[in-house]
Amino acid sequence: MNDDERQLLRGRVYGAEPGQPGPLPGQTYAELVGGPLDGLLLDVTGWTQDEIDTGVALQTELGQHGPGGRALYDPRPGDPGRFDWTGDSP
């Protein structure tokens, strides 16, 4: 992915359909930092603290494993508004 493609992802919501609006009022988002989904927002509205602490494995074709692969993100200690990339998984 080149820099122009990365800029297109920044501020968009992971899993949203193309053309849908960005972040919605009243929702809670965490920014994905690093890795193939860098700059996307993850909707964590209604997640429990345990669910947030566990981190996420998000399906993406942009990671090193291609279609069906997952990008792994863990919450940043002391900054619940950011999840840091920890690697890719098949």
N, C-alpha and C. Protein backbone atom coordinates (compact mmCIF):
# COMPACT_ATOMS: atom_id res chain seq x y z
N MET A 1 0.86 -1.18 0.00
CA MET A 1 0.00 0.00 0.00
C MET A 1 0.90 1.23 0.00
N ASN A 2 0.59 2.17 -0.89
CA ASN A 2 1.40 3.39 -0.95
C ASN A 2 0.82 4.47 -0.03
N ASP A 3 1.54 5.59 0.07
CA ASP A 3 1.12 6.66 0.99
C ASP A 3 -0.24 7.24 0.62
N ASP A 4 -0.55 7.35 -0.67
CA ASP A 4 -1.85 7.89 -1.09
C ASP A 4 -2.99 6.98 -0.63
N GLU A 5 -2.78 5.65 -0.75
CA GLU A 5 -3.81 4.71 -0.31
C GLU A 5 -3.98 4.78 1.21
N ARG A 6 -2.89 4.94 1.93
CA ARG A 6 -2.97 5.06 3.40
C ARG A 6 -3.77 6.31 3.79
N GLN A 7 -3.57 7.40 3.09
CA GLN A 7 -4.30 8.64 3.39
C GLN A 7 -5.80 8.45 3.17
N LEU A 8 -6.19 7.66 2.17
CA LEU A 8 -7.60 7.42 1.91
C LEU A 8 -8.27 6.66 3.06
N LEU A 9 -7.51 5.80 3.75
CA LEU A 9 -8.07 5.04 4.87
C LEU A 9 -8.21 5.86 6.14
N ARG A 10 -7.34 6.83 6.33
CA ARG A 10 -7.29 7.60 7.57
C ARG A 10 -8.65 8.22 7.90
N GLY A 11 -9.11 7.96 9.12
CA GLY A 11 -10.36 8.55 9.60
C GLY A 11 -11.61 7.81 9.16
N ARG A 12 -11.48 6.73 8.40
CA ARG A 12 -12.64 5.94 7.99
C ARG A 12 -12.89 4.86 9.04
N VAL A 13 -14.08 4.35 9.07
CA VAL A 13 -14.47 3.35 10.06
C VAL A 13 -14.27 1.94 9.49
N TYR A 14 -13.54 1.10 10.24
CA TYR A 14 -13.31 -0.28 9.82
C TYR A 14 -14.65 -0.98 9.65
N GLY A 15 -14.82 -1.66 8.52
CA GLY A 15 -16.03 -2.43 8.26
C GLY A 15 -17.18 -1.64 7.65
N ALA A 16 -17.05 -0.33 7.56
CA ALA A 16 -18.13 0.48 6.97
C ALA A 16 -18.14 0.28 5.46
N GLU A 17 -19.31 0.31 4.89
CA GLU A 17 -19.46 0.19 3.44
C GLU A 17 -18.90 1.44 2.77
N PRO A 18 -18.33 1.28 1.57
CA PRO A 18 -17.86 2.47 0.84
C PRO A 18 -19.01 3.46 0.65
N GLY A 19 -18.71 4.72 0.82
CA GLY A 19 -19.73 5.75 0.66
C GLY A 19 -20.51 6.05 1.92
N GLN A 20 -20.38 5.22 2.95
CA GLN A 20 -21.07 5.51 4.21
C GLN A 20 -20.32 6.63 4.91
N PRO A 21 -21.05 7.38 5.72
CA PRO A 21 -20.38 8.47 6.43
C PRO A 21 -19.31 7.95 7.38
N GLY A 22 -18.44 8.84 7.77
CA GLY A 22 -17.38 8.49 8.70
C GLY A 22 -17.94 8.27 10.09
N PRO A 23 -17.18 8.61 11.09
CA PRO A 23 -17.61 8.40 12.47
C PRO A 23 -18.96 9.06 12.75
N LEU A 24 -19.79 8.38 13.50
CA LEU A 24 -21.12 8.89 13.82
C LEU A 24 -21.15 9.46 15.24
N PRO A 25 -21.92 10.51 15.44
CA PRO A 25 -22.04 11.07 16.79
C PRO A 25 -22.62 10.02 17.74
N GLY A 26 -22.17 10.04 18.98
CA GLY A 26 -22.69 9.13 19.99
C GLY A 26 -22.02 7.76 20.00
N GLN A 27 -21.13 7.51 19.07
CA GLN A 27 -20.39 6.25 19.02
C GLN A 27 -19.01 6.46 19.62
N THR A 28 -18.39 5.39 20.08
CA THR A 28 -17.05 5.45 20.64
C THR A 28 -16.11 4.70 19.70
N TYR A 29 -15.01 5.35 19.33
CA TYR A 29 -14.07 4.77 18.38
C TYR A 29 -12.66 4.73 18.97
N ALA A 30 -11.90 3.74 18.52
CA ALA A 30 -10.48 3.67 18.83
C ALA A 30 -9.74 3.72 17.49
N GLU A 31 -8.65 4.48 17.44
CA GLU A 31 -7.86 4.56 16.22
C GLU A 31 -6.91 3.38 16.14
N LEU A 32 -6.84 2.74 14.97
CA LEU A 32 -5.90 1.66 14.73
C LEU A 32 -4.58 2.28 14.30
N VAL A 33 -3.49 1.93 14.99
CA VAL A 33 -2.19 2.56 14.76
C VAL A 33 -1.19 1.51 14.26
N GLY A 34 -0.62 1.77 13.10
CA GLY A 34 0.37 0.88 12.51
C GLY A 34 -0.29 -0.24 11.73
N GLY A 35 0.55 -1.01 11.04
CA GLY A 35 0.07 -2.17 10.30
C GLY A 35 -0.81 -1.82 9.12
N PRO A 36 -1.48 -2.83 8.57
CA PRO A 36 -2.24 -2.63 7.33
C PRO A 36 -3.49 -1.78 7.48
N LEU A 37 -4.00 -1.61 8.68
CA LEU A 37 -5.23 -0.83 8.89
C LEU A 37 -4.97 0.51 9.56
N ASP A 38 -3.72 0.96 9.50
CA ASP A 38 -3.31 2.21 10.12
C ASP A 38 -4.23 3.36 9.74
N GLY A 39 -4.71 4.07 10.74
CA GLY A 39 -5.55 5.25 10.51
C GLY A 39 -7.04 4.98 10.49
N LEU A 40 -7.45 3.71 10.39
CA LEU A 40 -8.88 3.40 10.44
C LEU A 40 -9.38 3.53 11.87
N LEU A 41 -10.67 3.75 12.01
CA LEU A 41 -11.30 3.82 13.33
C LEU A 41 -12.08 2.54 13.57
N LEU A 42 -11.99 2.01 14.77
CA LEU A 42 -12.72 0.82 15.16
C LEU A 42 -13.84 1.22 16.11
N ASP A 43 -15.06 0.87 15.77
CA ASP A 43 -16.21 1.20 16.61
C ASP A 43 -16.23 0.25 17.81
N VAL A 44 -15.98 0.79 18.99
CA VAL A 44 -15.95 0.00 20.22
C VAL A 44 -17.14 0.34 21.12
N THR A 45 -18.16 0.95 20.55
CA THR A 45 -19.36 1.30 21.30
C THR A 45 -19.96 0.05 21.93
N GLY A 46 -20.20 0.09 23.21
CA GLY A 46 -20.83 -1.02 23.91
C GLY A 46 -19.89 -2.14 24.32
N TRP A 47 -18.60 -2.03 23.97
CA TRP A 47 -17.64 -3.06 24.39
C TRP A 47 -17.39 -2.95 25.88
N THR A 48 -17.23 -4.08 26.53
CA THR A 48 -16.86 -4.08 27.95
C THR A 48 -15.35 -3.84 28.06
N GLN A 49 -14.90 -3.51 29.26
CA GLN A 49 -13.47 -3.30 29.46
C GLN A 49 -12.69 -4.58 29.17
N ASP A 50 -13.27 -5.74 29.53
CA ASP A 50 -12.60 -7.02 29.24
C ASP A 50 -12.45 -7.23 27.74
N GLU A 51 -13.47 -6.89 26.96
CA GLU A 51 -13.39 -7.04 25.50
C GLU A 51 -12.31 -6.11 24.92
N ILE A 52 -12.25 -4.91 25.43
CA ILE A 52 -11.23 -3.97 24.96
C ILE A 52 -9.83 -4.46 25.34
N ASP A 53 -9.66 -4.93 26.56
CA ASP A 53 -8.35 -5.39 27.03
C ASP A 53 -7.83 -6.58 26.25
N THR A 54 -8.73 -7.38 25.68
CA THR A 54 -8.35 -8.57 24.94
C THR A 54 -7.71 -8.23 23.60
N GLY A 55 -8.05 -7.09 23.02
CA GLY A 55 -7.56 -6.74 21.70
C GLY A 55 -8.42 -7.39 20.63
N VAL A 56 -8.03 -7.20 19.37
CA VAL A 56 -8.84 -7.68 18.26
C VAL A 56 -7.98 -8.29 17.16
N ALA A 57 -8.60 -9.20 16.41
CA ALA A 57 -8.03 -9.76 15.19
C ALA A 57 -9.01 -9.39 14.07
N LEU A 58 -8.62 -8.44 13.24
CA LEU A 58 -9.52 -7.90 12.23
C LEU A 58 -9.19 -8.45 10.85
N GLN A 59 -10.21 -9.00 10.19
CA GLN A 59 -10.00 -9.57 8.87
C GLN A 59 -9.63 -8.47 7.87
N THR A 60 -8.59 -8.74 7.07
CA THR A 60 -8.17 -7.80 6.05
C THR A 60 -7.37 -8.51 4.98
N GLU A 61 -7.51 -8.07 3.76
CA GLU A 61 -6.68 -8.60 2.68
C GLU A 61 -5.41 -7.78 2.52
N LEU A 62 -5.25 -6.74 3.32
CA LEU A 62 -4.11 -5.84 3.20
C LEU A 62 -2.87 -6.31 3.95
N GLY A 63 -3.00 -7.29 4.83
CA GLY A 63 -1.86 -7.78 5.62
C GLY A 63 -0.99 -8.74 4.83
N GLN A 64 0.04 -9.26 5.47
CA GLN A 64 1.00 -10.12 4.80
C GLN A 64 0.41 -11.46 4.37
N HIS A 65 -0.73 -11.88 4.92
CA HIS A 65 -1.34 -13.15 4.57
C HIS A 65 -2.41 -13.02 3.49
N GLY A 66 -2.68 -11.81 3.01
CA GLY A 66 -3.64 -11.61 1.93
C GLY A 66 -5.07 -11.89 2.36
N PRO A 67 -5.94 -12.17 1.38
CA PRO A 67 -7.36 -12.42 1.69
C PRO A 67 -7.53 -13.49 2.75
N GLY A 68 -8.37 -13.23 3.71
CA GLY A 68 -8.62 -14.16 4.81
C GLY A 68 -7.68 -13.97 5.98
N GLY A 69 -6.63 -13.17 5.81
CA GLY A 69 -5.70 -12.91 6.90
C GLY A 69 -6.30 -11.94 7.91
N ARG A 70 -5.64 -11.83 9.03
CA ARG A 70 -6.10 -10.94 10.09
C ARG A 70 -4.96 -10.06 10.57
N ALA A 71 -5.30 -8.82 10.89
CA ALA A 71 -4.37 -7.89 11.52
C ALA A 71 -4.69 -7.86 13.00
N LEU A 72 -3.67 -8.02 13.84
CA LEU A 72 -3.86 -8.08 15.29
C LEU A 72 -3.55 -6.73 15.91
N TYR A 73 -4.48 -6.25 16.74
CA TYR A 73 -4.33 -4.95 17.42
C TYR A 73 -4.64 -5.11 18.90
N ASP A 74 -3.79 -4.50 19.74
CA ASP A 74 -3.99 -4.50 21.19
C ASP A 74 -4.17 -3.07 21.66
N PRO A 75 -4.98 -2.86 22.71
CA PRO A 75 -5.16 -1.51 23.22
C PRO A 75 -3.83 -0.96 23.75
N ARG A 76 -3.62 0.32 23.52
CA ARG A 76 -2.40 0.98 24.00
C ARG A 76 -2.56 1.25 25.50
N PRO A 77 -1.62 0.78 26.31
CA PRO A 77 -1.71 1.04 27.76
C PRO A 77 -1.79 2.55 28.03
N GLY A 78 -2.76 2.94 28.82
CA GLY A 78 -2.93 4.33 29.21
C GLY A 78 -3.60 5.20 28.17
N ASP A 79 -3.95 4.63 27.00
CA ASP A 79 -4.61 5.42 25.94
C ASP A 79 -5.68 4.56 25.29
N PRO A 80 -6.87 4.50 25.89
CA PRO A 80 -7.92 3.63 25.38
C PRO A 80 -8.43 4.03 23.99
N GLY A 81 -8.03 5.17 23.51
CA GLY A 81 -8.47 5.63 22.19
C GLY A 81 -7.59 5.14 21.05
N ARG A 82 -6.60 4.30 21.36
CA ARG A 82 -5.71 3.79 20.32
C ARG A 82 -5.43 2.31 20.54
N PHE A 83 -5.44 1.57 19.43
CA PHE A 83 -5.06 0.15 19.43
C PHE A 83 -3.83 0.04 18.53
N ASP A 84 -2.76 -0.56 19.05
CA ASP A 84 -1.51 -0.70 18.31
C ASP A 84 -1.43 -2.05 17.61
N TRP A 85 -0.90 -2.03 16.39
CA TRP A 85 -0.72 -3.25 15.60
C TRP A 85 0.36 -4.11 16.23
N THR A 86 0.09 -5.41 16.36
CA THR A 86 1.06 -6.33 16.95
C THR A 86 1.50 -7.40 15.96
N GLY A 87 0.92 -7.42 14.77
CA GLY A 87 1.32 -8.41 13.76
C GLY A 87 0.13 -8.87 12.95
N ASP A 88 0.42 -9.81 12.05
CA ASP A 88 -0.61 -10.40 11.20
C ASP A 88 -0.72 -11.89 11.49
N SER A 89 -1.87 -12.45 11.19
CA SER A 89 -2.14 -13.87 11.42
C SER A 89 -2.89 -14.41 10.21
N PRO A 90 -2.64 -15.67 9.85
CA PRO A 90 -3.40 -16.26 8.72
C PRO A 90 -4.85 -16.46 9.07
